[in-house]
Amino acid sequence: MAKLQARSRNHFRPICEKHGIHAIGLWTTLVGESSNQMTYILQWESLADLETRWTAFLNDPAWHKVRDEGERDGPIVASINNQILAPTAFSGLK
């Protein structure tokens, strides 16, 4: 978890920002199934915006370098679960 947090803090967020991706927040699980879990929410204007910006992020050589260097001794992410959420009319986040 320490390596994942360092990578997220030092590299993931800056590379996201480079591609115009807004990270609403990143959290670790304090109480729940696993305390070895990180959750983050990214904001998109539309599904097309998600596709364009996320593809650019995933293809960024800087991301490949950071990811590969961080996982030189083995993976630091066991699994990834993606969801696309839509805010309700009464949501505090739009």
PDB file of N, CA and C in Angstrom:
ATOM      1  N   MET A   1       0.823  -1.197   0.000  1.00  0.00           N
ATOM      2  CA  MET A   1       0.000   0.000   0.000  1.00  0.00           C
ATOM      3  C   MET A   1       0.868   1.262   0.000  1.00  0.00           C
ATOM      4  N   ALA A   2       1.981   1.206   0.701  1.00  0.00           N
ATOM      5  CA  ALA A   2       2.859   2.377   0.738  1.00  0.00           C
ATOM      6  C   ALA A   2       3.376   2.724  -0.656  1.00  0.00           C
ATOM      7  N   LYS A   3       3.736   1.700  -1.436  1.00  0.00           N
ATOM      8  CA  LYS A   3       4.224   1.946  -2.801  1.00  0.00           C
ATOM      9  C   LYS A   3       3.110   2.501  -3.689  1.00  0.00           C
ATOM     10  N   LEU A   4       1.902   1.969  -3.544  1.00  0.00           N
ATOM     11  CA  LEU A   4       0.775   2.452  -4.338  1.00  0.00           C
ATOM     12  C   LEU A   4       0.441   3.903  -3.983  1.00  0.00           C
ATOM     13  N   GLN A   5       0.457   4.214  -2.697  1.00  0.00           N
ATOM     14  CA  GLN A   5       0.181   5.598  -2.286  1.00  0.00           C
ATOM     15  C   GLN A   5       1.252   6.547  -2.802  1.00  0.00           C
ATOM     16  N   ALA A   6       2.506   6.143  -2.731  1.00  0.00           N
ATOM     17  CA  ALA A   6       3.588   6.996  -3.234  1.00  0.00           C
ATOM     18  C   ALA A   6       3.439   7.215  -4.736  1.00  0.00           C
ATOM     19  N   ARG A   7       3.149   6.147  -5.476  1.00  0.00           N
ATOM     20  CA  ARG A   7       2.979   6.289  -6.925  1.00  0.00           C
ATOM     21  C   ARG A   7       1.790   7.189  -7.246  1.00  0.00           C
ATOM     22  N   SER A   8       0.702   7.027  -6.511  1.00  0.00           N
ATOM     23  CA  SER A   8      -0.483   7.848  -6.743  1.00  0.00           C
ATOM     24  C   SER A   8      -0.200   9.314  -6.450  1.00  0.00           C
ATOM     25  N   ARG A   9       0.464   9.576  -5.347  1.00  0.00           N
ATOM     26  CA  ARG A   9       0.765  10.944  -4.931  1.00  0.00           C
ATOM     27  C   ARG A   9       1.767  11.605  -5.882  1.00  0.00           C
ATOM     28  N   ASN A  10       2.836  10.904  -6.188  1.00  0.00           N
ATOM     29  CA  ASN A  10       3.952  11.515  -6.914  1.00  0.00           C
ATOM     30  C   ASN A  10       3.831  11.456  -8.432  1.00  0.00           C
ATOM     31  N   HIS A  11       3.035  10.516  -8.950  1.00  0.00           N
ATOM     32  CA  HIS A  11       3.014  10.326 -10.400  1.00  0.00           C
ATOM     33  C   HIS A  11       1.609  10.254 -11.000  1.00  0.00           C
ATOM     34  N   PHE A  12       0.725   9.440 -10.417  1.00  0.00           N
ATOM     35  CA  PHE A  12      -0.603   9.253 -10.989  1.00  0.00           C
ATOM     36  C   PHE A  12      -1.346  10.578 -11.115  1.00  0.00           C
ATOM     37  N   ARG A  13      -1.436  11.308 -10.031  1.00  0.00           N
ATOM     38  CA  ARG A  13      -2.182  12.578 -10.068  1.00  0.00           C
ATOM     39  C   ARG A  13      -1.564  13.566 -11.040  1.00  0.00           C
ATOM     40  N   PRO A  14      -0.232  13.781 -11.020  1.00  0.00           N
ATOM     41  CA  PRO A  14       0.336  14.729 -11.986  1.00  0.00           C
ATOM     42  C   PRO A  14       0.121  14.319 -13.448  1.00  0.00           C
ATOM     43  N   ILE A  15       0.214  13.023 -13.741  1.00  0.00           N
ATOM     44  CA  ILE A  15      -0.009  12.583 -15.125  1.00  0.00           C
ATOM     45  C   ILE A  15      -1.485  12.748 -15.485  1.00  0.00           C
ATOM     46  N   CYS A  16      -2.387  12.478 -14.546  1.00  0.00           N
ATOM     47  CA  CYS A  16      -3.810  12.734 -14.785  1.00  0.00           C
ATOM     48  C   CYS A  16      -4.025  14.201 -15.129  1.00  0.00           C
ATOM     49  N   GLU A  17      -3.472  15.082 -14.331  1.00  0.00           N
ATOM     50  CA  GLU A  17      -3.645  16.520 -14.546  1.00  0.00           C
ATOM     51  C   GLU A  17      -3.111  16.939 -15.912  1.00  0.00           C
ATOM     52  N   LYS A  18      -2.008  16.340 -16.338  1.00  0.00           N
ATOM     53  CA  LYS A  18      -1.428  16.617 -17.651  1.00  0.00           C
ATOM     54  C   LYS A  18      -2.444  16.351 -18.761  1.00  0.00           C
ATOM     55  N   HIS A  19      -3.307  15.376 -18.563  1.00  0.00           N
ATOM     56  CA  HIS A  19      -4.299  15.001 -19.562  1.00  0.00           C
ATOM     57  C   HIS A  19      -5.678  15.595 -19.280  1.00  0.00           C
ATOM     58  N   GLY A  20      -5.752  16.519 -18.328  1.00  0.00           N
ATOM     59  CA  GLY A  20      -7.013  17.173 -18.018  1.00  0.00           C
ATOM     60  C   GLY A  20      -7.983  16.297 -17.256  1.00  0.00           C
ATOM     61  N   ILE A  21      -7.448  15.291 -16.564  1.00  0.00           N
ATOM     62  CA  ILE A  21      -8.291  14.400 -15.772  1.00  0.00           C
ATOM     63  C   ILE A  21      -8.349  14.933 -14.345  1.00  0.00           C
ATOM     64  N   HIS A  22      -9.558  15.166 -13.855  1.00  0.00           N
ATOM     65  CA  HIS A  22      -9.747  15.696 -12.505  1.00  0.00           C
ATOM     66  C   HIS A  22     -10.044  14.554 -11.534  1.00  0.00           C
ATOM     67  N   ALA A  23      -9.129  14.360 -10.592  1.00  0.00           N
ATOM     68  CA  ALA A  23      -9.338  13.371  -9.537  1.00  0.00           C
ATOM     69  C   ALA A  23     -10.089  14.053  -8.399  1.00  0.00           C
ATOM     70  N   ILE A  24     -11.336  13.650  -8.195  1.00  0.00           N
ATOM     71  CA  ILE A  24     -12.135  14.227  -7.119  1.00  0.00           C
ATOM     72  C   ILE A  24     -11.529  13.873  -5.770  1.00  0.00           C
ATOM     73  N   GLY A  25     -11.046  12.648  -5.645  1.00  0.00           N
ATOM     74  CA  GLY A  25     -10.424  12.242  -4.393  1.00  0.00           C
ATOM     75  C   GLY A  25      -9.868  10.840  -4.490  1.00  0.00           C
ATOM     76  N   LEU A  26      -8.948  10.547  -3.590  1.00  0.00           N
ATOM     77  CA  LEU A  26      -8.365   9.218  -3.450  1.00  0.00           C
ATOM     78  C   LEU A  26      -8.466   8.848  -1.980  1.00  0.00           C
ATOM     79  N   TRP A  27      -8.898   7.623  -1.708  1.00  0.00           N
ATOM     80  CA  TRP A  27      -9.114   7.178  -0.339  1.00  0.00           C
ATOM     81  C   TRP A  27      -8.502   5.799  -0.117  1.00  0.00           C
ATOM     82  N   THR A  28      -8.130   5.534   1.123  1.00  0.00           N
ATOM     83  CA  THR A  28      -7.810   4.178   1.546  1.00  0.00           C
ATOM     84  C   THR A  28      -8.947   3.727   2.455  1.00  0.00           C
ATOM     85  N   THR A  29      -9.136   2.422   2.537  1.00  0.00           N
ATOM     86  CA  THR A  29     -10.230   1.877   3.341  1.00  0.00           C
ATOM     87  C   THR A  29      -9.813   1.794   4.799  1.00  0.00           C
ATOM     88  N   LEU A  30     -10.548   2.480   5.658  1.00  0.00           N
ATOM     89  CA  LEU A  30     -10.306   2.450   7.094  1.00  0.00           C
ATOM     90  C   LEU A  30     -11.086   1.309   7.737  1.00  0.00           C
ATOM     91  N   VAL A  31     -12.349   1.158   7.330  1.00  0.00           N
ATOM     92  CA  VAL A  31     -13.208   0.087   7.832  1.00  0.00           C
ATOM     93  C   VAL A  31     -13.888  -0.539   6.616  1.00  0.00           C
ATOM     94  N   GLY A  32     -13.830  -1.847   6.510  1.00  0.00           N
ATOM     95  CA  GLY A  32     -14.454  -2.532   5.384  1.00  0.00           C
ATOM     96  C   GLY A  32     -13.835  -3.894   5.175  1.00  0.00           C
ATOM     97  N   GLU A  33     -14.050  -4.455   3.990  1.00  0.00           N
ATOM     98  CA  GLU A  33     -13.548  -5.793   3.695  1.00  0.00           C
ATOM     99  C   GLU A  33     -12.041  -5.887   3.801  1.00  0.00           C
ATOM    100  N   SER A  34     -11.333  -4.865   3.320  1.00  0.00           N
ATOM    101  CA  SER A  34      -9.877  -4.914   3.305  1.00  0.00           C
ATOM    102  C   SER A  34      -9.301  -3.534   3.570  1.00  0.00           C
ATOM    103  N   SER A  35      -8.352  -3.456   4.477  1.00  0.00           N
ATOM    104  CA  SER A  35      -7.676  -2.178   4.717  1.00  0.00           C
ATOM    105  C   SER A  35      -6.559  -1.978   3.702  1.00  0.00           C
ATOM    106  N   ASN A  36      -6.382  -2.948   2.814  1.00  0.00           N
ATOM    107  CA  ASN A  36      -5.346  -2.890   1.795  1.00  0.00           C
ATOM    108  C   ASN A  36      -5.993  -2.539   0.455  1.00  0.00           C
ATOM    109  N   GLN A  37      -6.760  -1.435   0.462  1.00  0.00           N
ATOM    110  CA  GLN A  37      -7.530  -1.050  -0.711  1.00  0.00           C
ATOM    111  C   GLN A  37      -7.475   0.461  -0.893  1.00  0.00           C
ATOM    112  N   MET A  38      -7.340   0.882  -2.147  1.00  0.00           N
ATOM    113  CA  MET A  38      -7.406   2.301  -2.476  1.00  0.00           C
ATOM    114  C   MET A  38      -8.546   2.505  -3.466  1.00  0.00           C
ATOM    115  N   THR A  39      -9.314   3.560  -3.241  1.00  0.00           N
ATOM    116  CA  THR A  39     -10.427   3.910  -4.114  1.00  0.00           C
ATOM    117  C   THR A  39     -10.228   5.343  -4.575  1.00  0.00           C
ATOM    118  N   TYR A  40     -10.491   5.586  -5.848  1.00  0.00           N
ATOM    119  CA  TYR A  40     -10.440   6.964  -6.321  1.00  0.00           C
ATOM    120  C   TYR A  40     -11.594   7.224  -7.272  1.00  0.00           C
ATOM    121  N   ILE A  41     -12.002   8.489  -7.337  1.00  0.00           N
ATOM    122  CA  ILE A  41     -13.069   8.919  -8.224  1.00  0.00           C
ATOM    123  C   ILE A  41     -12.489   9.971  -9.163  1.00  0.00           C
ATOM    124  N   LEU A  42     -12.694   9.734 -10.457  1.00  0.00           N
ATOM    125  CA  LEU A  42     -12.285  10.668 -11.492  1.00  0.00           C
ATOM    126  C   LEU A  42     -13.532  11.280 -12.104  1.00  0.00           C
ATOM    127  N   GLN A  43     -13.457  12.559 -12.439  1.00  0.00           N
ATOM    128  CA  GLN A  43     -14.613  13.270 -12.987  1.00  0.00           C
ATOM    129  C   GLN A  43     -14.484  13.370 -14.507  1.00  0.00           C
ATOM    130  N   TRP A  44     -15.595  13.075 -15.198  1.00  0.00           N
ATOM    131  CA  TRP A  44     -15.636  13.154 -16.650  1.00  0.00           C
ATOM    132  C   TRP A  44     -16.820  14.005 -17.077  1.00  0.00           C
ATOM    133  N   GLU A  45     -16.667  14.717 -18.176  1.00  0.00           N
ATOM    134  CA  GLU A  45     -17.767  15.514 -18.724  1.00  0.00           C
ATOM    135  C   GLU A  45     -18.773  14.622 -19.448  1.00  0.00           C
ATOM    136  N   SER A  46     -18.278  13.519 -20.009  1.00  0.00           N
ATOM    137  CA  SER A  46     -19.132  12.610 -20.780  1.00  0.00           C
ATOM    138  C   SER A  46     -18.378  11.300 -20.968  1.00  0.00           C
ATOM    139  N   LEU A  47     -19.047  10.306 -21.514  1.00  0.00           N
ATOM    140  CA  LEU A  47     -18.369   9.044 -21.814  1.00  0.00           C
ATOM    141  C   LEU A  47     -17.302   9.256 -22.889  1.00  0.00           C
ATOM    142  N   ALA A  48     -17.558  10.134 -23.839  1.00  0.00           N
ATOM    143  CA  ALA A  48     -16.560  10.438 -24.870  1.00  0.00           C
ATOM    144  C   ALA A  48     -15.323  11.094 -24.246  1.00  0.00           C
ATOM    145  N   ASP A  49     -15.540  11.976 -23.284  1.00  0.00           N
ATOM    146  CA  ASP A  49     -14.438  12.619 -22.573  1.00  0.00           C
ATOM    147  C   ASP A  49     -13.609  11.579 -21.825  1.00  0.00           C
ATOM    148  N   LEU A  50     -14.287  10.656 -21.160  1.00  0.00           N
ATOM    149  CA  LEU A  50     -13.605   9.571 -20.457  1.00  0.00           C
ATOM    150  C   LEU A  50     -12.734   8.791 -21.437  1.00  0.00           C
ATOM    151  N   GLU A  51     -13.313   8.384 -22.543  1.00  0.00           N
ATOM    152  CA  GLU A  51     -12.593   7.576 -23.535  1.00  0.00           C
ATOM    153  C   GLU A  51     -11.354   8.310 -24.056  1.00  0.00           C
ATOM    154  N   THR A  52     -11.510   9.559 -24.406  1.00  0.00           N
ATOM    155  CA  THR A  52     -10.405  10.335 -24.974  1.00  0.00           C
ATOM    156  C   THR A  52      -9.290  10.554 -23.959  1.00  0.00           C
ATOM    157  N   ARG A  53      -9.651  11.055 -22.785  1.00  0.00           N
ATOM    158  CA  ARG A  53      -8.629  11.402 -21.785  1.00  0.00           C
ATOM    159  C   ARG A  53      -7.984  10.164 -21.156  1.00  0.00           C
ATOM    160  N   TRP A  54      -8.777   9.140 -20.846  1.00  0.00           N
ATOM    161  CA  TRP A  54      -8.228   7.943 -20.207  1.00  0.00           C
ATOM    162  C   TRP A  54      -7.325   7.186 -21.175  1.00  0.00           C
ATOM    163  N   THR A  55      -7.706   7.140 -22.442  1.00  0.00           N
ATOM    164  CA  THR A  55      -6.858   6.502 -23.448  1.00  0.00           C
ATOM    165  C   THR A  55      -5.529   7.229 -23.559  1.00  0.00           C
ATOM    166  N   ALA A  56      -5.564   8.553 -23.563  1.00  0.00           N
ATOM    167  CA  ALA A  56      -4.321   9.336 -23.619  1.00  0.00           C
ATOM    168  C   ALA A  56      -3.460   9.052 -22.392  1.00  0.00           C
ATOM    169  N   PHE A  57      -4.078   8.993 -21.219  1.00  0.00           N
ATOM    170  CA  PHE A  57      -3.345   8.675 -19.993  1.00  0.00           C
ATOM    171  C   PHE A  57      -2.694   7.298 -20.100  1.00  0.00           C
ATOM    172  N   LEU A  58      -3.475   6.292 -20.486  1.00  0.00           N
ATOM    173  CA  LEU A  58      -2.957   4.918 -20.550  1.00  0.00           C
ATOM    174  C   LEU A  58      -1.843   4.759 -21.574  1.00  0.00           C
ATOM    175  N   ASN A  59      -1.844   5.594 -22.604  1.00  0.00           N
ATOM    176  CA  ASN A  59      -0.815   5.520 -23.640  1.00  0.00           C
ATOM    177  C   ASN A  59       0.366   6.451 -23.392  1.00  0.00           C
ATOM    178  N   ASP A  60       0.331   7.210 -22.321  1.00  0.00           N
ATOM    179  CA  ASP A  60       1.402   8.168 -22.016  1.00  0.00           C
ATOM    180  C   ASP A  60       2.678   7.414 -21.627  1.00  0.00           C
ATOM    181  N   PRO A  61       3.787   7.655 -22.326  1.00  0.00           N
ATOM    182  CA  PRO A  61       5.048   6.993 -21.983  1.00  0.00           C
ATOM    183  C   PRO A  61       5.479   7.250 -20.533  1.00  0.00           C
ATOM    184  N   ALA A  62       5.143   8.412 -20.002  1.00  0.00           N
ATOM    185  CA  ALA A  62       5.505   8.711 -18.602  1.00  0.00           C
ATOM    186  C   ALA A  62       4.789   7.749 -17.662  1.00  0.00           C
ATOM    187  N   TRP A  63       3.512   7.438 -17.946  1.00  0.00           N
ATOM    188  CA  TRP A  63       2.764   6.495 -17.118  1.00  0.00           C
ATOM    189  C   TRP A  63       3.363   5.097 -17.239  1.00  0.00           C
ATOM    190  N   HIS A  64       3.700   4.693 -18.452  1.00  0.00           N
ATOM    191  CA  HIS A  64       4.300   3.366 -18.658  1.00  0.00           C
ATOM    192  C   HIS A  64       5.600   3.238 -17.869  1.00  0.00           C
ATOM    193  N   LYS A  65       6.404   4.279 -17.898  1.00  0.00           N
ATOM    194  CA  LYS A  65       7.686   4.252 -17.179  1.00  0.00           C
ATOM    195  C   LYS A  65       7.462   4.134 -15.673  1.00  0.00           C
ATOM    196  N   VAL A  66       6.590   4.958 -15.142  1.00  0.00           N
ATOM    197  CA  VAL A  66       6.300   4.947 -13.703  1.00  0.00           C
ATOM    198  C   VAL A  66       5.716   3.606 -13.276  1.00  0.00           C
ATOM    199  N   ARG A  67       4.742   3.112 -14.041  1.00  0.00           N
ATOM    200  CA  ARG A  67       4.110   1.840 -13.714  1.00  0.00           C
ATOM    201  C   ARG A  67       5.128   0.699 -13.753  1.00  0.00           C
ATOM    202  N   ASP A  68       5.918   0.649 -14.815  1.00  0.00           N
ATOM    203  CA  ASP A  68       6.886  -0.434 -14.961  1.00  0.00           C
ATOM    204  C   ASP A  68       7.964  -0.391 -13.883  1.00  0.00           C
ATOM    205  N   GLU A  69       8.464   0.807 -13.568  1.00  0.00           N
ATOM    206  CA  GLU A  69       9.475   0.933 -12.516  1.00  0.00           C
ATOM    207  C   GLU A  69       8.903   0.553 -11.155  1.00  0.00           C
ATOM    208  N   GLY A  70       7.662   0.953 -10.892  1.00  0.00           N
ATOM    209  CA  GLY A  70       7.036   0.663  -9.609  1.00  0.00           C
ATOM    210  C   GLY A  70       6.719  -0.807  -9.405  1.00  0.00           C
ATOM    211  N   GLU A  71       6.625  -1.548 -10.508  1.00  0.00           N
ATOM    212  CA  GLU A  71       6.276  -2.961 -10.416  1.00  0.00           C
ATOM    213  C   GLU A  71       7.440  -3.868 -10.816  1.00  0.00           C
ATOM    214  N   ARG A  72       8.642  -3.306 -10.781  1.00  0.00           N
ATOM    215  CA  ARG A  72       9.840  -4.071 -11.122  1.00  0.00           C
ATOM    216  C   ARG A  72       9.981  -5.318 -10.248  1.00  0.00           C
ATOM    217  N   ASP A  73       9.636  -5.198  -8.972  1.00  0.00           N
ATOM    218  CA  ASP A  73       9.740  -6.318  -8.036  1.00  0.00           C
ATOM    219  C   ASP A  73       8.443  -7.112  -7.922  1.00  0.00           C
ATOM    220  N   GLY A  74       7.494  -6.810  -8.760  1.00  0.00           N
ATOM    221  CA  GLY A  74       6.206  -7.492  -8.735  1.00  0.00           C
ATOM    222  C   GLY A  74       5.073  -6.484  -8.696  1.00  0.00           C
ATOM    223  N   PRO A  75       3.865  -6.928  -9.020  1.00  0.00           N
ATOM    224  CA  PRO A  75       2.712  -6.027  -9.064  1.00  0.00           C
ATOM    225  C   PRO A  75       2.411  -5.408  -7.697  1.00  0.00           C
ATOM    226  N   ILE A  76       1.973  -4.152  -7.724  1.00  0.00           N
ATOM    227  CA  ILE A  76       1.547  -3.490  -6.483  1.00  0.00           C
ATOM    228  C   ILE A  76       0.027  -3.312  -6.468  1.00  0.00           C
ATOM    229  N   VAL A  77      -0.640  -3.732  -7.535  1.00  0.00           N
ATOM    230  CA  VAL A  77      -2.095  -3.697  -7.626  1.00  0.00           C
ATOM    231  C   VAL A  77      -2.567  -5.116  -7.915  1.00  0.00           C
ATOM    232  N   ALA A  78      -3.392  -5.660  -7.023  1.00  0.00           N
ATOM    233  CA  ALA A  78      -3.875  -7.029  -7.186  1.00  0.00           C
ATOM    234  C   ALA A  78      -5.051  -7.094  -8.155  1.00  0.00           C
ATOM    235  N   SER A  79      -5.921  -6.110  -8.100  1.00  0.00           N
ATOM    236  CA  SER A  79      -7.085  -6.099  -8.985  1.00  0.00           C
ATOM    237  C   SER A  79      -7.611  -4.673  -9.110  1.00  0.00           C
ATOM    238  N   ILE A  80      -8.343  -4.452 -10.184  1.00  0.00           N
ATOM    239  CA  ILE A  80      -8.940  -3.141 -10.448  1.00  0.00           C
ATOM    240  C   ILE A  80     -10.413  -3.355 -10.737  1.00  0.00           C
ATOM    241  N   ASN A  81     -11.251  -2.528 -10.129  1.00  0.00           N
ATOM    242  CA  ASN A  81     -12.687  -2.579 -10.349  1.00  0.00           C
ATOM    243  C   ASN A  81     -13.119  -1.202 -10.832  1.00  0.00           C
ATOM    244  N   ASN A  82     -13.666  -1.131 -12.043  1.00  0.00           N
ATOM    245  CA  ASN A  82     -14.117   0.134 -12.611  1.00  0.00           C
ATOM    246  C   ASN A  82     -15.628   0.216 -12.590  1.00  0.00           C
ATOM    247  N   GLN A  83     -16.122   1.394 -12.287  1.00  0.00           N
ATOM    248  CA  GLN A  83     -17.552   1.674 -12.357  1.00  0.00           C
ATOM    249  C   GLN A  83     -17.722   3.067 -12.931  1.00  0.00           C
ATOM    250  N   ILE A  84     -18.775   3.265 -13.689  1.00  0.00           N
ATOM    251  CA  ILE A  84     -19.132   4.599 -14.169  1.00  0.00           C
ATOM    252  C   ILE A  84     -20.414   4.960 -13.450  1.00  0.00           C
ATOM    253  N   LEU A  85     -20.336   6.026 -12.673  1.00  0.00           N
ATOM    254  CA  LEU A  85     -21.461   6.450 -11.839  1.00  0.00           C
ATOM    255  C   LEU A  85     -22.101   7.709 -12.411  1.00  0.00           C
ATOM    256  N   ALA A  86     -23.377   7.853 -12.234  1.00  0.00           N
ATOM    257  CA  ALA A  86     -24.107   9.053 -12.629  1.00  0.00           C
ATOM    258  C   ALA A  86     -24.697   9.681 -11.373  1.00  0.00           C
ATOM    259  N   PRO A  87     -24.465  10.984 -11.170  1.00  0.00           N
ATOM    260  CA  PRO A  87     -25.012  11.623  -9.971  1.00  0.00           C
ATOM    261  C   PRO A  87     -26.526  11.733 -10.027  1.00  0.00           C
ATOM    262  N   THR A  88     -27.130  11.614  -8.883  1.00  0.00           N
ATOM    263  CA  THR A  88     -28.576  11.861  -8.781  1.00  0.00           C
ATOM    264  C   THR A  88     -28.808  13.363  -8.794  1.00  0.00           C
ATOM    265  N   ALA A  89     -30.045  13.763  -8.962  1.00  0.00           N
ATOM    266  CA  ALA A  89     -30.389  15.179  -8.953  1.00  0.00           C
ATOM    267  C   ALA A  89     -30.092  15.824  -7.604  1.00  0.00           C
ATOM    268  N   PHE A  90     -30.025  15.020  -6.541  1.00  0.00           N
ATOM    269  CA  PHE A  90     -29.801  15.541  -5.188  1.00  0.00           C
ATOM    270  C   PHE A  90     -28.393  15.269  -4.670  1.00  0.00           C
ATOM    271  N   SER A  91     -27.479  14.899  -5.562  1.00  0.00           N
ATOM    272  CA  SER A  91     -26.103  14.613  -5.174  1.00  0.00           C
ATOM    273  C   SER A  91     -25.356  15.904  -4.859  1.00  0.00           C
ATOM    274  N   GLY A  92     -24.467  15.831  -3.881  1.00  0.00           N
ATOM    275  CA  GLY A  92     -23.610  16.973  -3.568  1.00  0.00           C
ATOM    276  C   GLY A  92     -22.532  17.197  -4.613  1.00  0.00           C
ATOM    277  N   LEU A  93     -22.200  16.137  -5.348  1.00  0.00           N
ATOM    278  CA  LEU A  93     -21.225  16.218  -6.434  1.00  0.00           C
ATOM    279  C   LEU A  93     -21.955  16.071  -7.751  1.00  0.00           C
ATOM    280  N   LYS A  94     -21.709  16.954  -8.664  1.00  0.00           N
ATOM    281  CA  LYS A  94     -22.388  16.908  -9.989  1.00  0.00           C
ATOM    282  C   LYS A  94     -21.404  16.472 -11.047  1.00  0.00           C
TER     283      LYS A  94
END
